[in-house]
Amino acid sequence: MKDKKEPIKRSKKPWPTKDAMEQVYDQNLWGENDTLFYSGIGSHHPDIIEPYITRISSFLSSFEEPPRVCDLGCGDFNVGKDLVKYTSTYIAADIVESLIVYNSQKFDLENVEFRCLDIATDPLPSGDIVILRQVFQHLSNAEIKSILKKLNDFKYLILTEHIPQENFESNLDIISGQGTRLKKKSGIDLTTAPFNFQFIEKQTVLSLPAKDHMGIIETSIFRLK
């Protein structure tokens, strides 16, 4: 009798990030079925966004000249729209083209530029401050590394991440998409391997309990130069 052959195990081929994020909005995976282009509770719950808007508005207002801000992964722009007035130019970028078209039609603001970009592969706009709000938590380590290499020309990075409440193993890799590292009891820490992000100063300015999910939503400001 011939030995039975072991079934060949095929690794799951990840979707391109653009396709995965388009599916999020096409199927309302972060929101309710009757909501168009909804970026999730983290972009809408008052207990999460109001302290963030207050703290970041204060930071943006502290500059003698209004800064040029690049919001990378702007989502449905429910948060960004309240920061625009503190900037000279606000560039809001996202990988989903239909979302950017929708935002540009919905928000009629003079100093806002909406751009469709894959921030891992496309050149980034120039600016003084870059905002990455709950973006890295959805990306693979390779994509995060690619983005970090492009931040050298910014003066500040405002980073927000959903991380576990307790001590955790940082930066476990994932396939880019709607999910995060929380399922692996992990979260992003740019100061450790494999990123070892270089900066002059870091200040954690907000740490808020996540709604309907475990963990906290933490915002830090990195001074880069």
C-alpha atoms as a PDB file:
ATOM      1  CA  MET A   1       0.000   0.000   0.000  1.00  0.00           C
ATOM      2  CA  LYS A   2       1.332   3.377  -0.969  1.00  0.00           C
ATOM      3  CA  ASP A   3       1.848   5.911   1.735  1.00  0.00           C
ATOM      4  CA  LYS A   4      -0.705   8.679   1.690  1.00  0.00           C
ATOM      5  CA  LYS A   5       0.779  11.965   0.640  1.00  0.00           C
ATOM      6  CA  GLU A   6       0.509  14.813   3.053  1.00  0.00           C
ATOM      7  CA  PRO A   7      -1.676  17.614   1.688  1.00  0.00           C
ATOM      8  CA  ILE A   8       0.277  20.539   0.392  1.00  0.00           C
ATOM      9  CA  LYS A   9      -0.155  23.535   2.665  1.00  0.00           C
ATOM     10  CA  ARG A  10      -0.491  26.743   0.706  1.00  0.00           C
ATOM     11  CA  SER A  11       0.097  29.983   2.481  1.00  0.00           C
ATOM     12  CA  LYS A  12      -2.680  32.515   2.158  1.00  0.00           C
ATOM     13  CA  LYS A  13      -1.681  35.160  -0.328  1.00  0.00           C
ATOM     14  CA  PRO A  14      -2.388  38.596   1.133  1.00  0.00           C
ATOM     15  CA  TRP A  15      -4.504  41.063  -0.754  1.00  0.00           C
ATOM     16  CA  PRO A  16      -2.841  44.275  -1.840  1.00  0.00           C
ATOM     17  CA  THR A  17      -3.461  46.880   0.852  1.00  0.00           C
ATOM     18  CA  LYS A  18      -5.485  49.028  -1.540  1.00  0.00           C
ATOM     19  CA  ASP A  19      -7.891  46.162  -2.281  1.00  0.00           C
ATOM     20  CA  ALA A  20      -8.246  45.301   1.403  1.00  0.00           C
ATOM     21  CA  MET A  21      -9.063  48.868   2.396  1.00  0.00           C
ATOM     22  CA  GLU A  22     -11.482  49.322  -0.494  1.00  0.00           C
ATOM     23  CA  GLN A  23     -13.337  46.258   0.809  1.00  0.00           C
ATOM     24  CA  VAL A  24     -13.571  47.855   4.259  1.00  0.00           C
ATOM     25  CA  TYR A  25     -15.572  50.761   2.870  1.00  0.00           C
ATOM     26  CA  ASP A  26     -17.467  48.808   0.204  1.00  0.00           C
ATOM     27  CA  GLN A  27     -18.801  46.437   2.873  1.00  0.00           C
ATOM     28  CA  ASN A  28     -18.975  48.916   5.780  1.00  0.00           C
ATOM     29  CA  LEU A  29     -16.715  46.670   7.855  1.00  0.00           C
ATOM     30  CA  TRP A  30     -15.943  49.442  10.341  1.00  0.00           C
ATOM     31  CA  GLY A  31     -19.422  50.896  10.521  1.00  0.00           C
ATOM     32  CA  GLU A  32     -23.136  50.435  10.299  1.00  0.00           C
ATOM     33  CA  ASN A  33     -24.814  49.189   7.142  1.00  0.00           C
ATOM     34  CA  ASP A  34     -26.595  52.484   6.516  1.00  0.00           C
ATOM     35  CA  THR A  35     -23.432  54.571   6.820  1.00  0.00           C
ATOM     36  CA  LEU A  36     -21.428  55.603   3.769  1.00  0.00           C
ATOM     37  CA  PHE A  37     -17.628  55.746   4.163  1.00  0.00           C
ATOM     38  CA  TYR A  38     -17.556  55.296   7.937  1.00  0.00           C
ATOM     39  CA  SER A  39     -14.092  54.975   9.478  1.00  0.00           C
ATOM     40  CA  GLY A  40     -15.163  53.314  12.699  1.00  0.00           C
ATOM     41  CA  ILE A  41     -15.909  54.148  16.295  1.00  0.00           C
ATOM     42  CA  GLY A  42     -12.354  55.415  16.835  1.00  0.00           C
ATOM     43  CA  SER A  43     -13.091  58.261  14.436  1.00  0.00           C
ATOM     44  CA  HIS A  44     -16.561  59.060  15.798  1.00  0.00           C
ATOM     45  CA  HIS A  45     -17.068  58.294  19.478  1.00  0.00           C
ATOM     46  CA  PRO A  46     -17.036  61.614  21.407  1.00  0.00           C
ATOM     47  CA  ASP A  47     -15.026  60.160  24.307  1.00  0.00           C
ATOM     48  CA  ILE A  48     -12.243  59.310  21.860  1.00  0.00           C
ATOM     49  CA  ILE A  49     -12.223  62.149  19.353  1.00  0.00           C
ATOM     50  CA  GLU A  50     -13.075  65.173  21.519  1.00  0.00           C
ATOM     51  CA  PRO A  51     -10.007  64.889  23.823  1.00  0.00           C
ATOM     52  CA  TYR A  52      -7.866  64.232  20.734  1.00  0.00           C
ATOM     53  CA  ILE A  53      -9.150  67.273  18.850  1.00  0.00           C
ATOM     54  CA  THR A  54      -8.698  69.473  21.931  1.00  0.00           C
ATOM     55  CA  ARG A  55      -5.116  68.322  22.554  1.00  0.00           C
ATOM     56  CA  ILE A  56      -3.942  68.378  18.939  1.00  0.00           C
ATOM     57  CA  SER A  57      -5.645  71.721  18.257  1.00  0.00           C
ATOM     58  CA  SER A  58      -3.683  73.166  21.163  1.00  0.00           C
ATOM     59  CA  PHE A  59      -0.439  71.761  19.758  1.00  0.00           C
ATOM     60  CA  LEU A  60      -1.092  73.084  16.253  1.00  0.00           C
ATOM     61  CA  SER A  61      -1.996  76.499  17.691  1.00  0.00           C
ATOM     62  CA  SER A  62       1.310  76.737  19.547  1.00  0.00           C
ATOM     63  CA  PHE A  63       3.303  77.569  16.408  1.00  0.00           C
ATOM     64  CA  GLU A  64       3.995  81.180  15.441  1.00  0.00           C
ATOM     65  CA  GLU A  65       3.095  80.373  11.853  1.00  0.00           C
ATOM     66  CA  PRO A  66       0.306  77.888  11.114  1.00  0.00           C
ATOM     67  CA  PRO A  67       1.976  74.614  10.091  1.00  0.00           C
ATOM     68  CA  ARG A  68       1.534  72.636   6.901  1.00  0.00           C
ATOM     69  CA  VAL A  69       0.019  69.293   7.971  1.00  0.00           C
ATOM     70  CA  CYS A  70      -0.109  65.958   6.153  1.00  0.00           C
ATOM     71  CA  ASP A  71      -2.793  63.588   7.449  1.00  0.00           C
ATOM     72  CA  LEU A  72      -1.842  60.179   6.071  1.00  0.00           C
ATOM     73  CA  GLY A  73      -4.740  57.764   6.244  1.00  0.00           C
ATOM     74  CA  CYS A  74      -7.342  60.486   6.746  1.00  0.00           C
ATOM     75  CA  GLY A  75     -10.312  58.119   6.516  1.00  0.00           C
ATOM     76  CA  ASP A  76     -13.734  59.762   6.504  1.00  0.00           C
ATOM     77  CA  PHE A  77     -12.196  63.056   7.718  1.00  0.00           C
ATOM     78  CA  ASN A  78     -14.498  63.306  10.732  1.00  0.00           C
ATOM     79  CA  VAL A  79     -11.495  64.196  12.903  1.00  0.00           C
ATOM     80  CA  GLY A  80      -9.346  66.071  10.400  1.00  0.00           C
ATOM     81  CA  LYS A  81     -12.093  68.563   9.548  1.00  0.00           C
ATOM     82  CA  ASP A  82     -11.802  70.049  13.053  1.00  0.00           C
ATOM     83  CA  LEU A  83      -8.018  70.547  12.795  1.00  0.00           C
ATOM     84  CA  VAL A  84      -7.925  72.345   9.446  1.00  0.00           C
ATOM     85  CA  LYS A  85      -8.431  75.846  10.859  1.00  0.00           C
ATOM     86  CA  TYR A  86      -5.181  75.608  12.815  1.00  0.00           C
ATOM     87  CA  THR A  87      -3.057  74.970   9.712  1.00  0.00           C
ATOM     88  CA  SER A  88      -1.828  76.851   6.658  1.00  0.00           C
ATOM     89  CA  THR A  89      -2.457  73.816   4.430  1.00  0.00           C
ATOM     90  CA  TYR A  90      -3.981  70.482   5.364  1.00  0.00           C
ATOM     91  CA  ILE A  91      -3.219  67.600   3.002  1.00  0.00           C
ATOM     92  CA  ALA A  92      -5.552  64.669   3.648  1.00  0.00           C
ATOM     93  CA  ALA A  93      -4.482  61.435   1.974  1.00  0.00           C
ATOM     94  CA  ASP A  94      -5.986  57.967   1.829  1.00  0.00           C
ATOM     95  CA  ILE A  95      -5.458  54.853  -0.288  1.00  0.00           C
ATOM     96  CA  VAL A  96      -9.152  54.478  -1.240  1.00  0.00           C
ATOM     97  CA  GLU A  97      -9.883  56.635  -4.284  1.00  0.00           C
ATOM     98  CA  SER A  98     -13.682  56.590  -3.912  1.00  0.00           C
ATOM     99  CA  LEU A  99     -13.292  57.801  -0.324  1.00  0.00           C
ATOM    100  CA  ILE A 100     -11.088  60.703  -1.422  1.00  0.00           C
ATOM    101  CA  VAL A 101     -13.603  61.670  -4.107  1.00  0.00           C
ATOM    102  CA  TYR A 102     -16.386  61.557  -1.516  1.00  0.00           C
ATOM    103  CA  ASN A 103     -14.410  63.663   0.975  1.00  0.00           C
ATOM    104  CA  SER A 104     -13.506  66.284  -1.624  1.00  0.00           C
ATOM    105  CA  GLN A 105     -17.189  66.686  -2.477  1.00  0.00           C
ATOM    106  CA  LYS A 106     -18.404  66.704   1.125  1.00  0.00           C
ATOM    107  CA  PHE A 107     -15.850  69.060   2.695  1.00  0.00           C
ATOM    108  CA  ASP A 108     -15.602  72.454   1.007  1.00  0.00           C
ATOM    109  CA  LEU A 109     -12.614  73.901   2.853  1.00  0.00           C
ATOM    110  CA  GLU A 110     -10.201  76.356   1.252  1.00  0.00           C
ATOM    111  CA  ASN A 111      -6.903  75.129   2.638  1.00  0.00           C
ATOM    112  CA  VAL A 112      -7.534  71.370   2.330  1.00  0.00           C
ATOM    113  CA  GLU A 113      -6.072  69.171  -0.396  1.00  0.00           C
ATOM    114  CA  PHE A 114      -7.431  65.639  -0.709  1.00  0.00           C
ATOM    115  CA  ARG A 115      -5.077  63.145  -2.362  1.00  0.00           C
ATOM    116  CA  CYS A 116      -5.310  59.445  -3.153  1.00  0.00           C
ATOM    117  CA  LEU A 117      -1.984  57.912  -2.117  1.00  0.00           C
ATOM    118  CA  ASP A 118      -0.519  54.566  -1.153  1.00  0.00           C
ATOM    119  CA  ILE A 119       1.726  56.007   1.528  1.00  0.00           C
ATOM    120  CA  ALA A 120       3.885  52.861   1.614  1.00  0.00           C
ATOM    121  CA  THR A 121       4.858  53.102  -2.056  1.00  0.00           C
ATOM    122  CA  ASP A 122       4.078  56.650  -3.267  1.00  0.00           C
ATOM    123  CA  PRO A 123       6.160  59.758  -2.534  1.00  0.00           C
ATOM    124  CA  LEU A 124       4.753  61.710   0.397  1.00  0.00           C
ATOM    125  CA  PRO A 125       3.704  65.363   0.265  1.00  0.00           C
ATOM    126  CA  SER A 126       5.973  67.839   2.007  1.00  0.00           C
ATOM    127  CA  GLY A 127       4.965  69.393   5.296  1.00  0.00           C
ATOM    128  CA  ASP A 128       5.881  70.414   8.818  1.00  0.00           C
ATOM    129  CA  ILE A 129       3.770  67.876  10.704  1.00  0.00           C
ATOM    130  CA  VAL A 130       2.619  64.402   9.736  1.00  0.00           C
ATOM    131  CA  ILE A 131      -0.416  62.777  11.355  1.00  0.00           C
ATOM    132  CA  LEU A 132      -0.765  58.991  11.357  1.00  0.00           C
ATOM    133  CA  ARG A 133      -3.896  58.247  13.327  1.00  0.00           C
ATOM    134  CA  GLN A 134      -4.620  54.550  13.873  1.00  0.00           C
ATOM    135  CA  VAL A 135      -3.002  53.698  10.549  1.00  0.00           C
ATOM    136  CA  PHE A 136       0.082  51.650  11.417  1.00  0.00           C
ATOM    137  CA  GLN A 137      -2.006  49.217  13.476  1.00  0.00           C
ATOM    138  CA  HIS A 138      -3.518  47.984  10.183  1.00  0.00           C
ATOM    139  CA  LEU A 139      -0.244  47.681   8.248  1.00  0.00           C
ATOM    140  CA  SER A 140       2.460  45.038   7.950  1.00  0.00           C
ATOM    141  CA  ASN A 141       5.881  45.722   9.411  1.00  0.00           C
ATOM    142  CA  ALA A 142       7.331  46.029   5.901  1.00  0.00           C
ATOM    143  CA  GLU A 143       4.877  48.793   4.985  1.00  0.00           C
ATOM    144  CA  ILE A 144       5.491  50.612   8.254  1.00  0.00           C
ATOM    145  CA  LYS A 145       9.249  50.526   7.639  1.00  0.00           C
ATOM    146  CA  SER A 146       8.720  51.919   4.151  1.00  0.00           C
ATOM    147  CA  ILE A 147       6.676  54.822   5.493  1.00  0.00           C
ATOM    148  CA  LEU A 148       9.053  55.628   8.348  1.00  0.00           C
ATOM    149  CA  LYS A 149      11.913  56.078   5.878  1.00  0.00           C
ATOM    150  CA  LYS A 150       9.959  58.933   4.266  1.00  0.00           C
ATOM    151  CA  LEU A 151       9.341  60.964   7.430  1.00  0.00           C
ATOM    152  CA  ASN A 152      12.796  62.534   7.710  1.00  0.00           C
ATOM    153  CA  ASP A 153      11.736  65.858   6.229  1.00  0.00           C
ATOM    154  CA  PHE A 154       8.917  66.438   8.726  1.00  0.00           C
ATOM    155  CA  LYS A 155       9.496  68.281  11.991  1.00  0.00           C
ATOM    156  CA  TYR A 156       6.895  66.390  14.008  1.00  0.00           C
ATOM    157  CA  LEU A 157       4.997  63.116  13.902  1.00  0.00           C
ATOM    158  CA  ILE A 158       1.653  62.818  15.694  1.00  0.00           C
ATOM    159  CA  LEU A 159       1.072  59.093  16.086  1.00  0.00           C
ATOM    160  CA  THR A 160      -2.071  57.420  17.446  1.00  0.00           C
ATOM    161  CA  GLU A 161      -2.276  53.660  17.979  1.00  0.00           C
ATOM    162  CA  HIS A 162      -4.731  51.220  19.531  1.00  0.00           C
ATOM    163  CA  ILE A 163      -2.628  49.032  21.830  1.00  0.00           C
ATOM    164  CA  PRO A 164      -3.261  46.464  24.593  1.00  0.00           C
ATOM    165  CA  GLN A 165      -3.881  47.793  28.100  1.00  0.00           C
ATOM    166  CA  GLU A 166      -1.188  45.747  29.828  1.00  0.00           C
ATOM    167  CA  ASN A 167       2.381  44.885  28.922  1.00  0.00           C
ATOM    168  CA  PHE A 168       2.512  43.351  25.460  1.00  0.00           C
ATOM    169  CA  GLU A 169       4.867  41.949  22.846  1.00  0.00           C
ATOM    170  CA  SER A 170       5.305  44.813  20.452  1.00  0.00           C
ATOM    171  CA  ASN A 171       5.352  44.824  16.656  1.00  0.00           C
ATOM    172  CA  LEU A 172       4.231  41.304  15.846  1.00  0.00           C
ATOM    173  CA  ASP A 173       3.784  41.232  12.085  1.00  0.00           C
ATOM    174  CA  ILE A 174       0.389  41.072  10.376  1.00  0.00           C
ATOM    175  CA  ILE A 175      -1.046  41.096   6.876  1.00  0.00           C
ATOM    176  CA  SER A 176      -2.196  44.612   6.028  1.00  0.00           C
ATOM    177  CA  GLY A 177      -5.960  45.064   6.129  1.00  0.00           C
ATOM    178  CA  GLN A 178      -8.931  45.784   8.352  1.00  0.00           C
ATOM    179  CA  GLY A 179      -7.570  43.867  11.362  1.00  0.00           C
ATOM    180  CA  THR A 180      -4.971  44.911  13.915  1.00  0.00           C
ATOM    181  CA  ARG A 181      -2.344  43.313  16.141  1.00  0.00           C
ATOM    182  CA  LEU A 182      -4.723  43.275  19.119  1.00  0.00           C
ATOM    183  CA  LYS A 183      -5.802  39.732  18.227  1.00  0.00           C
ATOM    184  CA  LYS A 184      -2.185  38.725  18.787  1.00  0.00           C
ATOM    185  CA  LYS A 185      -2.054  40.748  22.029  1.00  0.00           C
ATOM    186  CA  SER A 186       0.400  43.040  20.312  1.00  0.00           C
ATOM    187  CA  GLY A 187       0.649  46.668  19.270  1.00  0.00           C
ATOM    188  CA  ILE A 188       2.956  49.147  17.603  1.00  0.00           C
ATOM    189  CA  ASP A 189       5.973  50.582  19.446  1.00  0.00           C
ATOM    190  CA  LEU A 190       8.186  52.503  17.041  1.00  0.00           C
ATOM    191  CA  THR A 191      11.002  52.766  19.580  1.00  0.00           C
ATOM    192  CA  THR A 192      11.727  49.013  19.487  1.00  0.00           C
ATOM    193  CA  ALA A 193      12.760  46.433  16.874  1.00  0.00           C
ATOM    194  CA  PRO A 194      12.226  46.025  13.996  1.00  0.00           C
ATOM    195  CA  PHE A 195      11.633  49.770  13.620  1.00  0.00           C
ATOM    196  CA  ASN A 196      14.004  51.466  16.106  1.00  0.00           C
ATOM    197  CA  PHE A 197      12.637  54.804  14.924  1.00  0.00           C
ATOM    198  CA  GLN A 198      15.005  57.714  15.405  1.00  0.00           C
ATOM    199  CA  PHE A 199      13.656  60.917  16.955  1.00  0.00           C
ATOM    200  CA  ILE A 200      14.741  63.761  19.212  1.00  0.00           C
ATOM    201  CA  GLU A 201      11.913  63.706  21.735  1.00  0.00           C
ATOM    202  CA  LYS A 202       8.698  61.778  22.400  1.00  0.00           C
ATOM    203  CA  GLN A 203       5.760  62.939  24.498  1.00  0.00           C
ATOM    204  CA  THR A 204       2.683  60.792  25.114  1.00  0.00           C
ATOM    205  CA  VAL A 205      -0.140  63.311  25.240  1.00  0.00           C
ATOM    206  CA  LEU A 206      -3.257  61.111  25.417  1.00  0.00           C
ATOM    207  CA  SER A 207      -4.132  57.646  26.670  1.00  0.00           C
ATOM    208  CA  LEU A 208      -7.830  56.845  26.354  1.00  0.00           C
ATOM    209  CA  PRO A 209      -9.837  53.657  26.892  1.00  0.00           C
ATOM    210  CA  ALA A 210     -11.029  52.200  23.609  1.00  0.00           C
ATOM    211  CA  LYS A 211     -14.797  51.908  23.238  1.00  0.00           C
ATOM    212  CA  ASP A 212     -16.283  48.462  22.540  1.00  0.00           C
ATOM    213  CA  HIS A 213     -12.770  47.042  22.310  1.00  0.00           C
ATOM    214  CA  MET A 214     -10.024  46.050  24.716  1.00  0.00           C
ATOM    215  CA  GLY A 215      -6.977  48.233  25.171  1.00  0.00           C
ATOM    216  CA  ILE A 216      -6.213  51.916  24.994  1.00  0.00           C
ATOM    217  CA  ILE A 217      -5.846  54.478  22.248  1.00  0.00           C
ATOM    218  CA  GLU A 218      -2.558  56.277  22.783  1.00  0.00           C
ATOM    219  CA  THR A 219      -1.357  59.434  21.065  1.00  0.00           C
ATOM    220  CA  SER A 220       2.274  60.563  21.111  1.00  0.00           C
ATOM    221  CA  ILE A 221       4.050  63.527  19.539  1.00  0.00           C
ATOM    222  CA  PHE A 222       7.543  62.839  18.221  1.00  0.00           C
ATOM    223  CA  ARG A 223       9.893  65.731  17.543  1.00  0.00           C
ATOM    224  CA  LEU A 224      11.980  64.656  14.564  1.00  0.00           C
ATOM    225  CA  LYS A 225      14.277  67.614  14.055  1.00  0.00           C
END
